Amino acid sequence: MFSQNLSSIDGVSIFPIISLVLFFAIFSGVLFWVLKKDKSYMENLANMPLQENNDIELNDESKNEK
């Protein structure tokens, strides 16, 4: 049923290509951001759920991003 509806749309074959490019662009951006971040910042984020107090000390770089 869906294939019959989609086949009637002109240029529908471009949508999977756009989706794939968008996915890889976002995935690459997040991967680059994670690899660029300081290891101590990531450890601080990883330990957040385990800390009892709600006062999280952030480094200078993360304070500037807010």
PDB file of N, CA and C in Angstrom:
ATOM      1  N   MET A   1       0.810  -1.185   0.000  1.00  0.00           N
ATOM      2  CA  MET A   1       0.000   0.000   0.000  1.00  0.00           C
ATOM      3  C   MET A   1       0.862   1.260   0.000  1.00  0.00           C
ATOM      4  N   PHE A   2       1.889   1.294   0.876  1.00  0.00           N
ATOM      5  CA  PHE A   2       2.747   2.471   0.934  1.00  0.00           C
ATOM      6  C   PHE A   2       3.575   2.616  -0.331  1.00  0.00           C
ATOM      7  N   SER A   3       4.013   1.509  -0.891  1.00  0.00           N
ATOM      8  CA  SER A   3       4.839   1.594  -2.097  1.00  0.00           C
ATOM      9  C   SER A   3       4.049   2.154  -3.266  1.00  0.00           C
ATOM     10  N   GLN A   4       2.773   1.872  -3.331  1.00  0.00           N
ATOM     11  CA  GLN A   4       1.944   2.426  -4.406  1.00  0.00           C
ATOM     12  C   GLN A   4       1.777   3.934  -4.227  1.00  0.00           C
ATOM     13  N   ASN A   5       1.592   4.365  -3.009  1.00  0.00           N
ATOM     14  CA  ASN A   5       1.459   5.806  -2.751  1.00  0.00           C
ATOM     15  C   ASN A   5       2.763   6.531  -3.004  1.00  0.00           C
ATOM     16  N   LEU A   6       3.878   5.944  -2.564  1.00  0.00           N
ATOM     17  CA  LEU A   6       5.171   6.596  -2.744  1.00  0.00           C
ATOM     18  C   LEU A   6       5.612   6.614  -4.201  1.00  0.00           C
ATOM     19  N   SER A   7       5.240   5.599  -4.958  1.00  0.00           N
ATOM     20  CA  SER A   7       5.660   5.561  -6.360  1.00  0.00           C
ATOM     21  C   SER A   7       4.983   6.643  -7.181  1.00  0.00           C
ATOM     22  N   SER A   8       3.876   7.167  -6.714  1.00  0.00           N
ATOM     23  CA  SER A   8       3.186   8.229  -7.456  1.00  0.00           C
ATOM     24  C   SER A   8       3.803   9.604  -7.210  1.00  0.00           C
ATOM     25  N   ILE A   9       4.727   9.735  -6.237  1.00  0.00           N
ATOM     26  CA  ILE A   9       5.362  11.018  -5.928  1.00  0.00           C
ATOM     27  C   ILE A   9       6.602  11.176  -6.796  1.00  0.00           C
ATOM     28  N   ASP A  10       6.696  12.305  -7.492  1.00  0.00           N
ATOM     29  CA  ASP A  10       7.867  12.580  -8.318  1.00  0.00           C
ATOM     30  C   ASP A  10       9.065  12.915  -7.432  1.00  0.00           C
ATOM     31  N   GLY A  11      10.211  12.340  -7.726  1.00  0.00           N
ATOM     32  CA  GLY A  11      11.440  12.640  -7.007  1.00  0.00           C
ATOM     33  C   GLY A  11      11.512  12.052  -5.620  1.00  0.00           C
ATOM     34  N   VAL A  12      10.745  11.005  -5.341  1.00  0.00           N
ATOM     35  CA  VAL A  12      10.747  10.411  -4.005  1.00  0.00           C
ATOM     36  C   VAL A  12      12.054   9.675  -3.716  1.00  0.00           C
ATOM     37  N   SER A  13      12.813   9.338  -4.734  1.00  0.00           N
ATOM     38  CA  SER A  13      14.055   8.588  -4.531  1.00  0.00           C
ATOM     39  C   SER A  13      15.143   9.425  -3.865  1.00  0.00           C
ATOM     40  N   ILE A  14      14.984  10.738  -3.805  1.00  0.00           N
ATOM     41  CA  ILE A  14      15.993  11.593  -3.186  1.00  0.00           C
ATOM     42  C   ILE A  14      15.897  11.578  -1.661  1.00  0.00           C
ATOM     43  N   PHE A  15      14.725  11.246  -1.114  1.00  0.00           N
ATOM     44  CA  PHE A  15      14.536  11.282   0.335  1.00  0.00           C
ATOM     45  C   PHE A  15      15.436  10.309   1.097  1.00  0.00           C
ATOM     46  N   PRO A  16      15.614   9.061   0.650  1.00  0.00           N
ATOM     47  CA  PRO A  16      16.550   8.188   1.382  1.00  0.00           C
ATOM     48  C   PRO A  16      17.992   8.694   1.338  1.00  0.00           C
ATOM     49  N   ILE A  17      18.368   9.307   0.237  1.00  0.00           N
ATOM     50  CA  ILE A  17      19.727   9.840   0.118  1.00  0.00           C
ATOM     51  C   ILE A  17      19.916  11.008   1.082  1.00  0.00           C
ATOM     52  N   ILE A  18      18.933  11.891   1.143  1.00  0.00           N
ATOM     53  CA  ILE A  18      18.996  13.030   2.067  1.00  0.00           C
ATOM     54  C   ILE A  18      19.043  12.528   3.515  1.00  0.00           C
ATOM     55  N   SER A  19      18.246  11.522   3.824  1.00  0.00           N
ATOM     56  CA  SER A  19      18.231  10.968   5.190  1.00  0.00           C
ATOM     57  C   SER A  19      19.581  10.373   5.553  1.00  0.00           C
ATOM     58  N   LEU A  20      20.186   9.650   4.634  1.00  0.00           N
ATOM     59  CA  LEU A  20      21.481   9.032   4.894  1.00  0.00           C
ATOM     60  C   LEU A  20      22.560  10.089   5.099  1.00  0.00           C
ATOM     61  N   VAL A  21      22.573  11.105   4.267  1.00  0.00           N
ATOM     62  CA  VAL A  21      23.564  12.179   4.403  1.00  0.00           C
ATOM     63  C   VAL A  21      23.368  12.920   5.721  1.00  0.00           C
ATOM     64  N   LEU A  22      22.118  13.199   6.082  1.00  0.00           N
ATOM     65  CA  LEU A  22      21.835  13.881   7.336  1.00  0.00           C
ATOM     66  C   LEU A  22      22.274  13.041   8.536  1.00  0.00           C
ATOM     67  N   PHE A  23      21.999  11.747   8.498  1.00  0.00           N
ATOM     68  CA  PHE A  23      22.396  10.864   9.592  1.00  0.00           C
ATOM     69  C   PHE A  23      23.909  10.869   9.762  1.00  0.00           C
ATOM     70  N   PHE A  24      24.654  10.690   8.664  1.00  0.00           N
ATOM     71  CA  PHE A  24      26.110  10.648   8.775  1.00  0.00           C
ATOM     72  C   PHE A  24      26.693  11.993   9.177  1.00  0.00           C
ATOM     73  N   ALA A  25      26.071  13.090   8.768  1.00  0.00           N
ATOM     74  CA  ALA A  25      26.562  14.410   9.170  1.00  0.00           C
ATOM     75  C   ALA A  25      26.393  14.605  10.671  1.00  0.00           C
ATOM     76  N   ILE A  26      25.223  14.260  11.190  1.00  0.00           N
ATOM     77  CA  ILE A  26      24.986  14.410  12.632  1.00  0.00           C
ATOM     78  C   ILE A  26      25.849  13.440  13.425  1.00  0.00           C
ATOM     79  N   PHE A  27      25.943  12.191  12.967  1.00  0.00           N
ATOM     80  CA  PHE A  27      26.770  11.204  13.650  1.00  0.00           C
ATOM     81  C   PHE A  27      28.228  11.648  13.679  1.00  0.00           C
ATOM     82  N   SER A  28      28.733  12.144  12.555  1.00  0.00           N
ATOM     83  CA  SER A  28      30.121  12.606  12.496  1.00  0.00           C
ATOM     84  C   SER A  28      30.341  13.810  13.399  1.00  0.00           C
ATOM     85  N   GLY A  29      29.364  14.721  13.440  1.00  0.00           N
ATOM     86  CA  GLY A  29      29.476  15.892  14.303  1.00  0.00           C
ATOM     87  C   GLY A  29      29.527  15.518  15.775  1.00  0.00           C
ATOM     88  N   VAL A  30      28.675  14.597  16.190  1.00  0.00           N
ATOM     89  CA  VAL A  30      28.668  14.164  17.588  1.00  0.00           C
ATOM     90  C   VAL A  30      29.958  13.412  17.913  1.00  0.00           C
ATOM     91  N   LEU A  31      30.409  12.574  17.001  1.00  0.00           N
ATOM     92  CA  LEU A  31      31.659  11.837  17.217  1.00  0.00           C
ATOM     93  C   LEU A  31      32.831  12.802  17.350  1.00  0.00           C
ATOM     94  N   PHE A  32      32.886  13.812  16.499  1.00  0.00           N
ATOM     95  CA  PHE A  32      33.951  14.818  16.576  1.00  0.00           C
ATOM     96  C   PHE A  32      33.885  15.573  17.898  1.00  0.00           C
ATOM     97  N   TRP A  33      32.665  15.935  18.348  1.00  0.00           N
ATOM     98  CA  TRP A  33      32.497  16.662  19.610  1.00  0.00           C
ATOM     99  C   TRP A  33      32.980  15.822  20.789  1.00  0.00           C
ATOM    100  N   VAL A  34      32.636  14.536  20.777  1.00  0.00           N
ATOM    101  CA  VAL A  34      33.032  13.650  21.882  1.00  0.00           C
ATOM    102  C   VAL A  34      34.540  13.469  21.903  1.00  0.00           C
ATOM    103  N   LEU A  35      35.152  13.292  20.758  1.00  0.00           N
ATOM    104  CA  LEU A  35      36.594  13.099  20.723  1.00  0.00           C
ATOM    105  C   LEU A  35      37.354  14.380  21.057  1.00  0.00           C
ATOM    106  N   LYS A  36      36.745  15.540  20.805  1.00  0.00           N
ATOM    107  CA  LYS A  36      37.391  16.819  21.073  1.00  0.00           C
ATOM    108  C   LYS A  36      37.315  17.207  22.546  1.00  0.00           C
ATOM    109  N   LYS A  37      36.307  16.736  23.252  1.00  0.00           N
ATOM    110  CA  LYS A  37      36.113  17.115  24.649  1.00  0.00           C
ATOM    111  C   LYS A  37      37.232  16.580  25.538  1.00  0.00           C
ATOM    112  N   ASP A  38      37.453  17.299  26.612  1.00  0.00           N
ATOM    113  CA  ASP A  38      38.461  16.918  27.593  1.00  0.00           C
ATOM    114  C   ASP A  38      38.001  15.658  28.335  1.00  0.00           C
ATOM    115  N   LYS A  39      38.928  14.773  28.626  1.00  0.00           N
ATOM    116  CA  LYS A  39      38.596  13.511  29.290  1.00  0.00           C
ATOM    117  C   LYS A  39      38.031  13.744  30.692  1.00  0.00           C
ATOM    118  N   SER A  40      38.541  14.725  31.401  1.00  0.00           N
ATOM    119  CA  SER A  40      38.028  14.997  32.751  1.00  0.00           C
ATOM    120  C   SER A  40      36.579  15.489  32.698  1.00  0.00           C
ATOM    121  N   TYR A  41      36.219  16.237  31.658  1.00  0.00           N
ATOM    122  CA  TYR A  41      34.842  16.696  31.496  1.00  0.00           C
ATOM    123  C   TYR A  41      33.909  15.505  31.280  1.00  0.00           C
ATOM    124  N   MET A  42      34.328  14.556  30.458  1.00  0.00           N
ATOM    125  CA  MET A  42      33.509  13.370  30.200  1.00  0.00           C
ATOM    126  C   MET A  42      33.396  12.497  31.452  1.00  0.00           C
ATOM    127  N   GLU A  43      34.468  12.390  32.223  1.00  0.00           N
ATOM    128  CA  GLU A  43      34.405  11.625  33.470  1.00  0.00           C
ATOM    129  C   GLU A  43      33.462  12.287  34.460  1.00  0.00           C
ATOM    130  N   ASN A  44      33.467  13.600  34.488  1.00  0.00           N
ATOM    131  CA  ASN A  44      32.550  14.339  35.351  1.00  0.00           C
ATOM    132  C   ASN A  44      31.100  14.073  34.941  1.00  0.00           C
ATOM    133  N   LEU A  45      30.829  14.073  33.649  1.00  0.00           N
ATOM    134  CA  LEU A  45      29.482  13.770  33.168  1.00  0.00           C
ATOM    135  C   LEU A  45      29.089  12.330  33.492  1.00  0.00           C
ATOM    136  N   ALA A  46      30.036  11.410  33.376  1.00  0.00           N
ATOM    137  CA  ALA A  46      29.745  10.005  33.648  1.00  0.00           C
ATOM    138  C   ALA A  46      29.449   9.763  35.127  1.00  0.00           C
ATOM    139  N   ASN A  47      30.090  10.544  36.001  1.00  0.00           N
ATOM    140  CA  ASN A  47      29.902  10.360  37.439  1.00  0.00           C
ATOM    141  C   ASN A  47      28.731  11.146  38.012  1.00  0.00           C
ATOM    142  N   MET A  48      28.089  11.978  37.214  1.00  0.00           N
ATOM    143  CA  MET A  48      26.980  12.795  37.705  1.00  0.00           C
ATOM    144  C   MET A  48      25.858  11.995  38.364  1.00  0.00           C
ATOM    145  N   PRO A  49      25.396  10.902  37.788  1.00  0.00           N
ATOM    146  CA  PRO A  49      24.305  10.160  38.434  1.00  0.00           C
ATOM    147  C   PRO A  49      24.720   9.523  39.763  1.00  0.00           C
ATOM    148  N   LEU A  50      26.006   9.323  39.975  1.00  0.00           N
ATOM    149  CA  LEU A  50      26.484   8.666  41.183  1.00  0.00           C
ATOM    150  C   LEU A  50      26.747   9.636  42.327  1.00  0.00           C
ATOM    151  N   GLN A  51      26.801  10.923  42.040  1.00  0.00           N
ATOM    152  CA  GLN A  51      27.079  11.912  43.079  1.00  0.00           C
ATOM    153  C   GLN A  51      25.818  12.200  43.868  1.00  0.00           C
ATOM    154  N   GLU A  52      25.989  12.336  45.176  1.00  0.00           N
ATOM    155  CA  GLU A  52      24.834  12.589  46.041  1.00  0.00           C
ATOM    156  C   GLU A  52      24.421  14.058  46.032  1.00  0.00           C
ATOM    157  N   ASN A  53      25.378  14.958  45.969  1.00  0.00           N
ATOM    158  CA  ASN A  53      25.021  16.379  45.968  1.00  0.00           C
ATOM    159  C   ASN A  53      24.709  16.821  44.538  1.00  0.00           C
ATOM    160  N   ASN A  54      23.946  17.877  44.430  1.00  0.00           N
ATOM    161  CA  ASN A  54      23.562  18.377  43.124  1.00  0.00           C
ATOM    162  C   ASN A  54      24.502  19.450  42.599  1.00  0.00           C
ATOM    163  N   ASP A  55      25.514  19.807  43.370  1.00  0.00           N
ATOM    164  CA  ASP A  55      26.468  20.822  42.948  1.00  0.00           C
ATOM    165  C   ASP A  55      27.519  20.161  42.060  1.00  0.00           C
ATOM    166  N   ILE A  56      27.448  20.445  40.790  1.00  0.00           N
ATOM    167  CA  ILE A  56      28.380  19.873  39.825  1.00  0.00           C
ATOM    168  C   ILE A  56      29.408  20.944  39.483  1.00  0.00           C
ATOM    169  N   GLU A  57      30.664  20.621  39.645  1.00  0.00           N
ATOM    170  CA  GLU A  57      31.725  21.548  39.296  1.00  0.00           C
ATOM    171  C   GLU A  57      32.101  21.328  37.847  1.00  0.00           C
ATOM    172  N   LEU A  58      31.944  22.372  37.046  1.00  0.00           N
ATOM    173  CA  LEU A  58      32.277  22.298  35.638  1.00  0.00           C
ATOM    174  C   LEU A  58      33.573  23.063  35.404  1.00  0.00           C
ATOM    175  N   ASN A  59      34.328  22.630  34.413  1.00  0.00           N
ATOM    176  CA  ASN A  59      35.565  23.335  34.109  1.00  0.00           C
ATOM    177  C   ASN A  59      35.249  24.612  33.332  1.00  0.00           C
ATOM    178  N   ASP A  60      36.242  25.451  33.101  1.00  0.00           N
ATOM    179  CA  ASP A  60      36.038  26.756  32.470  1.00  0.00           C
ATOM    180  C   ASP A  60      35.465  26.622  31.066  1.00  0.00           C
ATOM    181  N   GLU A  61      35.875  25.606  30.327  1.00  0.00           N
ATOM    182  CA  GLU A  61      35.399  25.443  28.963  1.00  0.00           C
ATOM    183  C   GLU A  61      33.900  25.205  28.911  1.00  0.00           C
ATOM    184  N   SER A  62      33.403  24.367  29.801  1.00  0.00           N
ATOM    185  CA  SER A  62      31.979  24.071  29.788  1.00  0.00           C
ATOM    186  C   SER A  62      31.140  25.234  30.304  1.00  0.00           C
ATOM    187  N   LYS A  63      31.719  26.069  31.177  1.00  0.00           N
ATOM    188  CA  LYS A  63      30.991  27.250  31.655  1.00  0.00           C
ATOM    189  C   LYS A  63      30.789  28.252  30.532  1.00  0.00           C
ATOM    190  N   ASN A  64      31.750  28.329  29.629  1.00  0.00           N
ATOM    191  CA  ASN A  64      31.645  29.274  28.513  1.00  0.00           C
ATOM    192  C   ASN A  64      30.624  28.819  27.492  1.00  0.00           C
ATOM    193  N   GLU A  65      30.292  27.549  27.451  1.00  0.00           N
ATOM    194  CA  GLU A  65      29.368  27.021  26.454  1.00  0.00           C
ATOM    195  C   GLU A  65      27.925  27.308  26.801  1.00  0.00           C
ATOM    196  N   LYS A  66      27.623  27.624  28.035  1.00  0.00           N
ATOM    197  CA  LYS A  66      26.241  27.859  28.450  1.00  0.00           C
ATOM    198  C   LYS A  66      25.680  29.131  27.896  1.00  0.00           C
TER     199      LYS A  66
END
